[in-house]
N, C-alpha and C. Protein backbone atom coordinates (compact mmCIF):
# COMPACT_ATOMS: atom_id res chain seq x y z
N UNK A 1 223.51 103.46 208.79
CA UNK A 1 223.00 102.78 209.77
C UNK A 1 221.83 103.54 210.28
N UNK A 2 220.73 102.91 210.64
CA UNK A 2 219.60 103.51 211.24
C UNK A 2 219.27 102.70 212.50
N UNK A 3 218.63 103.35 213.47
CA UNK A 3 218.18 102.60 214.66
C UNK A 3 216.89 103.33 215.04
N UNK A 4 215.79 102.47 215.42
CA UNK A 4 214.51 103.05 215.99
C UNK A 4 214.74 103.57 217.30
N UNK A 5 214.02 104.88 217.34
CA UNK A 5 213.96 105.54 218.58
C UNK A 5 212.62 105.52 219.14
N UNK A 6 212.33 106.15 220.24
CA UNK A 6 211.01 106.12 220.64
C UNK A 6 210.05 107.11 219.91
N UNK A 7 210.63 108.11 219.07
CA UNK A 7 209.86 108.92 218.47
C UNK A 7 209.88 108.60 216.96
N UNK A 8 210.92 108.12 216.32
CA UNK A 8 211.06 107.97 215.11
C UNK A 8 212.43 107.21 214.87
N UNK A 9 212.79 106.95 213.46
CA UNK A 9 213.89 106.39 213.15
C UNK A 9 214.95 107.47 213.19
N UNK A 10 216.18 107.18 213.83
CA UNK A 10 217.34 107.99 214.01
C UNK A 10 218.58 107.50 213.04
N UNK A 11 219.14 108.41 212.42
CA UNK A 11 220.39 107.89 211.48
C UNK A 11 221.50 107.82 212.69
N UNK A 12 222.03 106.74 212.66
CA UNK A 12 222.99 106.41 213.65
C UNK A 12 224.38 106.88 213.15
N UNK A 13 224.53 106.72 211.90
CA UNK A 13 225.62 107.30 211.18
C UNK A 13 225.52 107.13 209.76
N UNK A 14 226.09 107.94 208.94
CA UNK A 14 226.00 107.91 207.45
C UNK A 14 227.47 107.96 207.04
N UNK A 15 227.88 107.05 205.99
CA UNK A 15 229.17 107.17 205.51
C UNK A 15 229.02 107.34 203.89
N UNK A 16 229.83 108.31 203.39
CA UNK A 16 229.79 108.65 202.22
C UNK A 16 231.37 108.60 201.47
N UNK A 17 231.75 107.36 201.12
CA UNK A 17 233.19 107.25 200.44
C UNK A 17 233.41 108.03 199.35
N UNK A 18 234.37 108.76 199.20
CA UNK A 18 234.65 109.54 197.88
C UNK A 18 236.16 109.48 197.70
N UNK A 19 236.44 109.05 196.22
CA UNK A 19 237.91 108.79 195.79
C UNK A 19 237.83 109.53 194.43
N UNK A 20 239.09 109.86 194.17
CA UNK A 20 239.40 110.51 192.83
C UNK A 20 240.89 110.43 192.61
N UNK A 21 241.30 110.58 191.59
CA UNK A 21 242.79 110.45 191.21
C UNK A 21 243.24 112.02 190.58
N UNK A 22 244.07 112.67 191.25
CA UNK A 22 244.68 113.93 190.81
C UNK A 22 245.30 113.99 189.54
N UNK A 23 245.58 114.96 189.13
CA UNK A 23 246.26 115.12 187.83
C UNK A 23 247.62 114.55 187.59
N UNK A 24 248.11 114.43 188.91
CA UNK A 24 249.75 113.85 189.05
C UNK A 24 249.52 112.49 189.29
N UNK A 25 248.34 111.98 189.50
CA UNK A 25 248.13 110.31 189.64
C UNK A 25 248.05 109.93 191.07
N UNK A 26 248.01 110.94 192.09
CA UNK A 26 247.82 110.62 193.35
C UNK A 26 246.37 110.29 193.68
N UNK A 27 246.09 109.27 194.39
CA UNK A 27 244.69 108.59 194.86
C UNK A 27 244.35 109.18 196.13
N UNK A 28 243.14 110.00 195.95
CA UNK A 28 242.69 110.77 197.51
C UNK A 28 241.42 110.06 197.54
N UNK A 29 241.45 109.60 198.91
CA UNK A 29 240.31 108.85 199.35
C UNK A 29 239.67 109.81 200.36
N UNK A 30 238.33 109.92 200.65
CA UNK A 30 237.92 110.57 201.58
C UNK A 30 236.68 109.77 202.17
N UNK A 31 236.28 109.75 203.36
CA UNK A 31 235.28 109.30 204.07
C UNK A 31 234.44 110.22 204.82
N UNK A 32 233.37 110.70 204.44
CA UNK A 32 232.53 111.62 205.04
C UNK A 32 231.57 110.90 205.87
N UNK A 33 231.51 111.15 207.13
CA UNK A 33 230.54 110.72 208.17
C UNK A 33 229.50 111.70 208.68
N UNK A 34 228.28 111.32 208.85
CA UNK A 34 227.47 112.08 209.55
C UNK A 34 226.96 111.32 211.00
N UNK A 35 226.92 112.09 211.90
CA UNK A 35 226.51 111.38 213.32
C UNK A 35 225.69 112.52 213.94
N UNK A 36 224.63 111.82 214.36
CA UNK A 36 223.44 112.67 214.93
C UNK A 36 224.02 113.27 216.51
N UNK A 37 223.23 114.25 216.86
CA UNK A 37 223.89 115.16 218.06
C UNK A 37 223.03 114.44 219.26
N UNK A 38 222.08 113.72 219.27
CA UNK A 38 221.47 113.36 220.49
C UNK A 38 222.50 112.89 221.32
N UNK A 39 222.28 112.91 222.69
CA UNK A 39 222.90 112.53 223.78
C UNK A 39 223.53 111.06 223.68
N UNK A 40 222.43 110.12 223.37
CA UNK A 40 222.51 108.68 223.15
C UNK A 40 223.72 108.31 222.37
N UNK A 41 223.97 109.31 221.32
CA UNK A 41 225.10 108.91 220.36
C UNK A 41 226.47 109.55 220.47
N UNK A 42 226.82 109.97 221.77
CA UNK A 42 228.04 110.38 222.17
C UNK A 42 229.17 109.50 221.92
N UNK A 43 229.07 108.16 222.23
CA UNK A 43 230.25 107.21 221.93
C UNK A 43 230.44 107.16 220.35
N UNK A 44 229.39 107.17 219.63
CA UNK A 44 229.67 107.14 218.22
C UNK A 44 230.11 108.33 217.71
N UNK A 45 229.91 109.46 218.14
CA UNK A 45 230.65 110.95 217.82
C UNK A 45 232.03 110.76 218.29
N UNK A 46 232.34 110.24 219.46
CA UNK A 46 233.86 110.24 219.75
C UNK A 46 234.65 109.14 218.90
N UNK A 47 234.00 108.23 218.67
CA UNK A 47 234.71 107.14 217.82
C UNK A 47 235.03 107.84 216.30
N UNK A 48 234.12 108.40 215.67
CA UNK A 48 234.27 109.14 214.42
C UNK A 48 235.16 110.25 214.63
N UNK A 49 234.96 111.02 215.47
CA UNK A 49 235.94 112.26 215.75
C UNK A 49 237.45 111.79 215.92
N UNK A 50 237.61 110.67 216.54
CA UNK A 50 238.93 110.36 216.77
C UNK A 50 239.95 110.19 215.50
N UNK A 51 239.25 109.78 214.51
CA UNK A 51 240.01 109.70 213.33
C UNK A 51 239.68 110.82 212.30
N UNK A 52 239.20 111.73 212.57
CA UNK A 52 238.71 112.99 211.72
C UNK A 52 239.93 113.89 211.48
N UNK A 53 239.99 114.41 210.33
CA UNK A 53 240.90 115.62 209.87
C UNK A 53 240.29 116.77 210.05
N UNK A 54 238.97 116.89 209.96
CA UNK A 54 238.08 118.05 210.21
C UNK A 54 236.63 117.70 210.37
N UNK A 55 235.96 118.89 210.71
CA UNK A 55 234.50 118.55 211.26
C UNK A 55 233.74 119.82 210.81
N UNK A 56 232.63 119.43 210.31
CA UNK A 56 231.65 120.29 210.06
C UNK A 56 230.48 120.16 211.35
N UNK A 57 230.33 121.25 211.94
CA UNK A 57 229.33 121.21 213.08
C UNK A 57 228.16 121.81 212.31
N UNK A 58 227.00 121.03 212.39
CA UNK A 58 225.69 121.47 211.85
C UNK A 58 224.93 121.99 212.87
N UNK A 59 224.38 123.15 212.92
CA UNK A 59 223.62 123.90 213.93
C UNK A 59 222.17 123.97 213.45
N UNK A 60 221.31 124.00 214.30
CA UNK A 60 219.98 124.23 213.88
C UNK A 60 219.63 125.70 214.11
N UNK A 61 219.07 126.28 212.97
CA UNK A 61 218.95 127.74 212.99
C UNK A 61 217.64 128.31 213.73
N UNK A 62 216.90 127.26 214.18
CA UNK A 62 215.65 127.67 214.87
C UNK A 62 215.91 128.36 216.35
N UNK A 63 215.33 129.29 216.50
CA UNK A 63 215.42 130.03 217.77
C UNK A 63 215.41 129.06 219.00
N UNK A 64 214.51 128.29 219.20
CA UNK A 64 214.43 127.28 220.15
C UNK A 64 215.53 126.13 220.38
N UNK A 65 216.46 126.22 219.31
CA UNK A 65 217.60 125.23 219.42
C UNK A 65 218.79 126.01 219.89
N UNK A 66 219.08 127.24 220.21
CA UNK A 66 220.12 127.91 220.67
C UNK A 66 220.84 127.12 221.70
N UNK A 67 220.01 126.87 222.75
CA UNK A 67 220.78 125.92 223.97
C UNK A 67 221.24 124.77 223.49
N UNK A 68 220.52 123.88 222.84
CA UNK A 68 220.95 122.78 222.25
C UNK A 68 222.07 122.81 221.63
N UNK A 69 222.31 123.81 220.51
CA UNK A 69 223.41 123.93 219.86
C UNK A 69 224.68 124.35 220.44
N UNK A 70 224.60 125.04 221.54
CA UNK A 70 225.62 125.42 222.51
C UNK A 70 226.03 124.34 222.98
N UNK A 71 225.13 123.45 223.81
CA UNK A 71 225.58 122.25 224.50
C UNK A 71 226.27 121.28 223.60
N UNK A 72 225.74 121.19 222.38
CA UNK A 72 226.36 120.12 221.40
C UNK A 72 227.78 120.51 220.97
N UNK A 73 227.82 121.98 220.82
CA UNK A 73 229.26 122.40 220.39
C UNK A 73 230.23 122.37 221.56
N UNK A 74 229.77 122.46 222.72
CA UNK A 74 230.60 122.20 223.87
C UNK A 74 230.90 120.66 224.06
N UNK A 75 229.99 119.91 223.78
CA UNK A 75 230.31 118.53 223.61
C UNK A 75 231.25 118.02 222.53
N UNK A 76 231.32 118.79 221.56
CA UNK A 76 232.20 118.58 220.39
C UNK A 76 233.63 118.88 220.81
N UNK A 77 233.64 119.97 221.69
CA UNK A 77 235.08 120.45 222.07
C UNK A 77 235.62 119.46 223.12
N UNK A 78 234.69 119.07 224.14
CA UNK A 78 234.97 118.09 225.15
C UNK A 78 235.49 116.78 224.40
N UNK A 79 234.79 116.24 223.44
CA UNK A 79 235.02 115.15 222.83
C UNK A 79 236.40 115.16 222.04
N UNK A 80 236.66 116.30 221.51
CA UNK A 80 238.00 116.50 220.76
C UNK A 80 239.13 116.37 221.83
N UNK A 81 238.87 116.93 222.93
CA UNK A 81 240.03 116.68 223.98
C UNK A 81 240.12 115.36 224.48
N UNK A 82 238.85 114.71 224.62
CA UNK A 82 239.00 113.18 225.20
C UNK A 82 239.74 112.31 224.17
N UNK A 83 239.57 112.61 222.72
CA UNK A 83 240.32 111.77 221.87
C UNK A 83 241.55 112.18 221.43
N UNK A 84 242.11 113.11 222.05
CA UNK A 84 243.54 113.82 221.76
C UNK A 84 243.60 114.76 220.57
N UNK A 85 242.49 115.33 220.32
CA UNK A 85 242.57 116.31 219.28
C UNK A 85 242.91 117.75 219.67
N UNK A 86 243.68 118.58 219.15
CA UNK A 86 243.72 120.01 219.47
C UNK A 86 242.76 120.78 218.77
N UNK A 87 241.40 120.98 219.62
CA UNK A 87 240.37 121.78 219.14
C UNK A 87 240.74 123.19 218.40
N UNK A 88 241.55 123.87 218.95
CA UNK A 88 241.98 125.26 218.34
C UNK A 88 242.57 125.06 216.97
N UNK A 89 243.22 124.02 216.72
CA UNK A 89 243.94 123.75 215.26
C UNK A 89 242.99 122.75 214.54
N UNK A 90 241.91 122.12 214.97
CA UNK A 90 241.18 121.48 214.03
C UNK A 90 240.37 121.98 213.23
N UNK A 91 240.33 121.97 211.77
CA UNK A 91 239.71 122.54 210.62
C UNK A 91 238.07 122.13 211.09
N UNK A 92 237.50 123.51 211.23
CA UNK A 92 235.85 123.35 211.75
C UNK A 92 235.31 124.37 210.87
N UNK A 93 234.02 123.78 210.23
CA UNK A 93 233.09 125.05 209.65
C UNK A 93 231.79 124.64 210.55
N UNK A 94 231.21 125.95 210.83
CA UNK A 94 229.79 125.82 211.45
C UNK A 94 229.05 126.16 210.47
N UNK A 95 228.03 125.11 210.17
CA UNK A 95 226.84 125.36 209.23
C UNK A 95 225.50 125.43 210.04
N UNK A 96 224.92 126.59 209.55
CA UNK A 96 223.55 126.70 210.27
C UNK A 96 222.35 126.39 209.27
N UNK A 97 221.83 125.07 209.55
CA UNK A 97 221.03 124.56 208.83
C UNK A 97 219.35 125.07 208.91
N UNK A 98 218.54 124.58 208.13
CA UNK A 98 217.08 124.83 208.41
C UNK A 98 216.87 126.41 208.15
N UNK A 99 217.46 126.93 207.41
CA UNK A 99 217.29 128.56 207.02
C UNK A 99 215.93 128.62 206.41
N UNK A 100 215.31 127.80 205.98
CA UNK A 100 214.03 127.75 205.27
C UNK A 100 212.64 127.62 206.13
N UNK A 101 212.92 127.52 207.62
CA UNK A 101 212.00 127.32 208.26
C UNK A 101 211.51 128.65 209.11
N UNK A 102 210.33 128.80 209.68
CA UNK A 102 210.01 129.92 210.43
C UNK A 102 210.71 129.93 211.72
N UNK A 103 210.67 130.91 212.47
CA UNK A 103 211.11 131.15 213.79
C UNK A 103 212.70 130.90 213.95
N UNK A 104 213.40 131.38 213.05
CA UNK A 104 214.78 131.20 212.98
C UNK A 104 215.67 132.42 213.50
N UNK A 105 216.86 132.20 213.93
CA UNK A 105 217.57 133.25 214.21
C UNK A 105 218.11 133.91 212.89
N UNK A 106 218.06 135.23 212.97
CA UNK A 106 218.25 136.00 211.63
C UNK A 106 219.87 135.69 211.34
N UNK A 107 220.25 135.99 210.23
CA UNK A 107 221.63 135.79 209.85
C UNK A 107 222.57 136.93 210.68
N UNK A 108 222.06 138.07 210.84
CA UNK A 108 222.62 139.06 211.50
C UNK A 108 222.90 138.52 212.97
N UNK A 109 221.84 138.05 213.81
CA UNK A 109 221.99 137.53 215.07
C UNK A 109 223.14 136.42 215.02
N UNK A 110 223.19 135.62 214.21
CA UNK A 110 224.05 134.49 214.13
C UNK A 110 225.56 135.07 214.15
N UNK A 111 225.59 135.93 213.09
CA UNK A 111 226.81 136.51 212.82
C UNK A 111 227.31 137.44 214.00
N UNK A 112 226.58 138.00 214.82
CA UNK A 112 226.95 138.83 215.94
C UNK A 112 227.26 137.87 216.97
N UNK A 113 226.52 136.76 217.24
CA UNK A 113 226.86 135.94 218.37
C UNK A 113 227.99 134.87 218.10
N UNK A 114 228.30 134.83 216.86
CA UNK A 114 229.65 133.97 216.60
C UNK A 114 230.74 134.87 216.17
N UNK A 115 230.67 136.22 216.17
CA UNK A 115 231.68 137.06 215.74
C UNK A 115 233.08 136.98 216.10
N UNK A 116 233.23 136.37 217.38
CA UNK A 116 234.61 136.11 217.92
C UNK A 116 235.16 134.75 217.42
N UNK A 117 234.33 133.86 216.80
CA UNK A 117 234.56 132.55 216.48
C UNK A 117 235.53 132.46 215.26
N UNK A 118 236.70 131.68 215.36
CA UNK A 118 237.64 131.68 214.33
C UNK A 118 237.25 130.83 213.07
N UNK A 119 235.76 130.14 213.24
CA UNK A 119 235.65 129.32 212.22
C UNK A 119 234.60 129.82 211.15
N UNK A 120 234.79 129.51 209.83
CA UNK A 120 233.66 129.88 208.87
C UNK A 120 232.35 129.59 209.22
N UNK A 121 231.59 130.51 209.04
CA UNK A 121 230.00 130.09 209.05
C UNK A 121 229.25 130.01 207.67
N UNK A 122 228.47 129.03 207.70
CA UNK A 122 227.95 128.93 206.34
C UNK A 122 226.38 128.57 206.49
N UNK A 123 225.48 129.24 205.80
CA UNK A 123 224.13 129.22 205.92
C UNK A 123 223.55 128.08 204.81
N UNK A 124 222.70 127.21 205.30
CA UNK A 124 222.28 126.25 204.56
C UNK A 124 220.74 125.75 204.60
N UNK A 125 220.21 125.14 203.63
CA UNK A 125 218.93 124.42 203.55
C UNK A 125 219.17 123.00 203.20
N UNK A 126 219.61 122.06 204.00
CA UNK A 126 219.86 120.66 203.41
C UNK A 126 219.02 120.14 202.55
N UNK A 127 217.67 120.31 202.66
CA UNK A 127 216.79 119.74 201.88
C UNK A 127 216.75 120.09 200.52
N UNK A 128 217.34 121.17 200.16
CA UNK A 128 217.38 121.81 198.80
C UNK A 128 218.95 121.75 198.39
N UNK A 129 219.87 121.60 199.29
CA UNK A 129 221.11 121.50 198.88
C UNK A 129 221.96 122.75 199.13
N UNK A 130 221.15 123.86 199.43
CA UNK A 130 221.76 125.18 199.44
C UNK A 130 222.77 125.22 200.56
N UNK A 131 223.82 125.64 200.24
CA UNK A 131 225.11 125.76 201.40
C UNK A 131 225.99 124.65 201.64
N UNK A 132 225.35 123.47 201.13
CA UNK A 132 225.92 122.10 201.50
C UNK A 132 227.43 122.05 200.79
N UNK A 133 227.37 122.39 199.45
CA UNK A 133 228.88 122.46 198.84
C UNK A 133 229.71 123.43 199.32
N UNK A 134 229.14 124.59 199.65
CA UNK A 134 229.85 125.80 200.09
C UNK A 134 230.63 125.33 201.45
N UNK A 135 229.71 124.59 202.35
CA UNK A 135 230.33 123.99 203.59
C UNK A 135 231.51 123.00 203.28
N UNK A 136 231.22 122.25 202.61
CA UNK A 136 232.48 121.21 202.16
C UNK A 136 233.68 122.02 201.64
N UNK A 137 233.33 123.06 200.84
CA UNK A 137 234.52 123.81 200.15
C UNK A 137 235.23 124.47 201.20
N UNK A 138 234.50 125.19 202.26
CA UNK A 138 235.31 125.90 203.30
C UNK A 138 236.11 124.78 204.11
N UNK A 139 235.56 123.56 204.35
CA UNK A 139 236.35 122.64 205.09
C UNK A 139 237.49 122.33 204.43
N UNK A 140 237.44 122.11 203.26
CA UNK A 140 238.62 121.64 202.18
C UNK A 140 239.78 122.93 202.33
N UNK A 141 239.35 124.13 202.31
CA UNK A 141 240.24 125.32 202.44
C UNK A 141 241.15 125.14 203.60
N UNK A 142 240.41 124.81 204.83
CA UNK A 142 241.28 124.88 206.07
C UNK A 142 241.89 123.42 206.07
N UNK A 143 241.55 122.40 205.56
CA UNK A 143 242.18 120.92 205.62
C UNK A 143 243.51 121.08 204.61
N UNK A 144 243.58 121.83 203.58
CA UNK A 144 244.62 121.58 202.75
C UNK A 144 245.95 121.82 203.45
N UNK A 145 246.13 122.98 204.32
CA UNK A 145 247.46 123.14 204.72
C UNK A 145 247.99 122.00 205.57
N UNK A 146 246.92 121.60 206.41
CA UNK A 146 247.30 120.12 207.26
C UNK A 146 247.78 119.09 206.24
N UNK A 147 246.89 118.79 205.30
CA UNK A 147 247.29 117.76 204.41
C UNK A 147 248.57 117.91 203.70
N UNK A 148 248.74 118.99 203.10
CA UNK A 148 249.97 119.41 202.50
C UNK A 148 251.10 119.27 203.27
N UNK A 149 251.12 119.73 204.62
CA UNK A 149 252.27 119.45 205.70
C UNK A 149 252.42 117.90 205.82
N UNK A 150 251.50 117.09 205.91
CA UNK A 150 251.55 115.62 206.10
C UNK A 150 251.93 114.98 205.22
N UNK A 151 251.40 115.20 203.84
CA UNK A 151 251.70 114.29 202.68
C UNK A 151 252.42 114.88 201.22
N UNK A 152 252.77 116.39 201.52
CA UNK A 152 253.74 117.14 200.51
C UNK A 152 252.78 117.17 199.26
N UNK A 153 251.59 117.46 199.31
CA UNK A 153 250.86 117.75 198.17
C UNK A 153 251.26 118.63 197.12
N UNK A 154 251.87 119.85 197.72
CA UNK A 154 252.46 120.79 196.77
C UNK A 154 253.99 120.46 196.22
N UNK A 155 254.58 119.96 197.17
CA UNK A 155 255.80 119.47 196.76
C UNK A 155 256.17 118.25 196.06
N UNK A 156 255.35 117.22 196.43
CA UNK A 156 255.48 115.81 195.93
C UNK A 156 254.57 115.64 194.83
N UNK A 157 253.25 116.41 194.65
CA UNK A 157 252.39 116.28 193.43
C UNK A 157 252.19 117.58 192.80
N UNK A 158 252.89 118.63 193.15
CA UNK A 158 252.44 119.76 192.35
C UNK A 158 251.10 120.39 192.40
N UNK A 159 250.71 120.08 193.67
CA UNK A 159 249.29 120.47 193.83
C UNK A 159 248.97 121.53 194.56
N UNK A 160 248.49 122.65 194.16
CA UNK A 160 248.24 123.87 195.00
C UNK A 160 246.90 123.63 195.63
N UNK A 161 246.62 124.64 196.58
CA UNK A 161 245.39 124.50 197.27
C UNK A 161 244.20 124.54 196.30
N UNK A 162 244.13 125.61 195.56
CA UNK A 162 243.27 125.75 194.51
C UNK A 162 243.04 124.46 193.74
N UNK A 163 243.99 123.80 193.12
CA UNK A 163 244.11 122.69 192.51
C UNK A 163 243.44 121.59 193.13
N UNK A 164 243.69 121.27 194.39
CA UNK A 164 243.21 120.32 195.13
C UNK A 164 241.78 120.42 195.41
N UNK A 165 241.24 121.68 196.00
CA UNK A 165 239.86 121.93 196.21
C UNK A 165 239.10 121.69 194.86
N UNK A 166 239.68 122.21 193.74
CA UNK A 166 239.07 122.20 192.42
C UNK A 166 238.72 120.65 192.01
N UNK A 167 239.89 120.01 192.14
CA UNK A 167 239.77 118.48 191.93
C UNK A 167 238.74 117.66 192.66
N UNK A 168 238.52 118.08 193.96
CA UNK A 168 237.69 117.33 194.96
C UNK A 168 236.24 117.80 194.43
N UNK A 169 236.06 119.40 194.48
CA UNK A 169 234.79 119.76 194.13
C UNK A 169 234.33 119.61 192.77
N UNK A 170 235.25 119.51 191.80
CA UNK A 170 234.77 119.02 190.55
C UNK A 170 234.14 117.66 190.52
N UNK A 171 234.87 116.98 191.13
CA UNK A 171 234.26 115.35 191.45
C UNK A 171 233.04 115.32 192.24
N UNK A 172 232.82 116.21 193.33
CA UNK A 172 231.70 116.21 193.86
C UNK A 172 230.57 116.78 193.04
N UNK A 173 230.85 117.87 192.28
CA UNK A 173 229.76 118.47 191.43
C UNK A 173 229.36 117.27 190.28
N UNK A 174 230.42 116.42 189.77
CA UNK A 174 230.06 115.73 188.69
C UNK A 174 229.36 114.62 189.26
N UNK A 175 229.51 114.09 190.44
CA UNK A 175 228.91 112.90 191.03
C UNK A 175 227.31 113.47 191.39
N UNK A 176 227.28 114.68 191.66
CA UNK A 176 226.12 115.24 192.02
C UNK A 176 225.06 115.23 190.86
N UNK A 177 225.72 115.71 189.72
CA UNK A 177 224.91 115.67 188.55
C UNK A 177 224.56 114.38 187.78
N UNK A 178 225.34 113.17 188.31
CA UNK A 178 225.00 112.06 187.79
C UNK A 178 223.84 111.46 188.41
N UNK A 179 223.35 112.00 189.66
CA UNK A 179 222.15 111.13 190.34
C UNK A 179 220.95 111.57 189.65
């Protein structure tokens, strides 16, 4: 869904449903949502977050976006609490996007600033797809233990974390090459 804003069109949210069948026959359905970070989309972010199993926080690598990134991340933390999610145990990946632009924080600066953070950091260029699949894979690595606990993936379906991630990533890779 898109909406017109005063400066341009803004993506209100995007949905990419993904489904596949595991070797044991289990059907796995995933819904990937994107939600913009502007203040006016806070209610949408809370609604999507309330049913989320994991989150990718996309930060802007540009130097002049450091404060906005911090405020947005704080908003994510506050919204998680508001919708009853334990932020400390929520699978999160922090993706630093726009690595292809000028005037960005260096990789070393980002790693230094986020050195105490427990979340994986991934560097990306969304326009070329660089780092996008790595981000998704890092999220799946964190999600598997939670999903295994809830749905018995390993005991009921004989599916290890590696097999689970390979099944999903293989499907994502094959869908990507079909385009």
